[in-house]
Amino acid sequence: MLAAALFAILVSIALLVVRALRGPTVFDRLLAANSIGNGAILVLALFGFLTGRPEFLDLGLTYALLNYVGAFAVLKFYREGSLGAAPEDRA
């Protein structure tokens, strides 16, 4: 049953890769990239559960944090054009 879930998640990740490559807008691609990250976290958790290695959950949590920070970095770069400009520097 868990192997079927793992297979379904891998299929959804493959479809999301297609969306990320063909997305008509930047936001579609960003959403697809975040969904791929969430799928990767699920794959890590399921793989860790199937192999009896709970340390994969730590890797999944770390990857979730990187995915969260990366999404906000991309959105800030898209909105402001750079990542390092402070709000008072723009005025």
Foldseek 3Di string as FASTA:
>chain_A
DLVVVLVVLVVVLVVLVVCLVPPPDPVSNLVSVLSNLVSVLVNLCSVCVVVVNRCSNVVSVVSNVVSVVVSVQVVCCVVPVDRPDDPVNVD
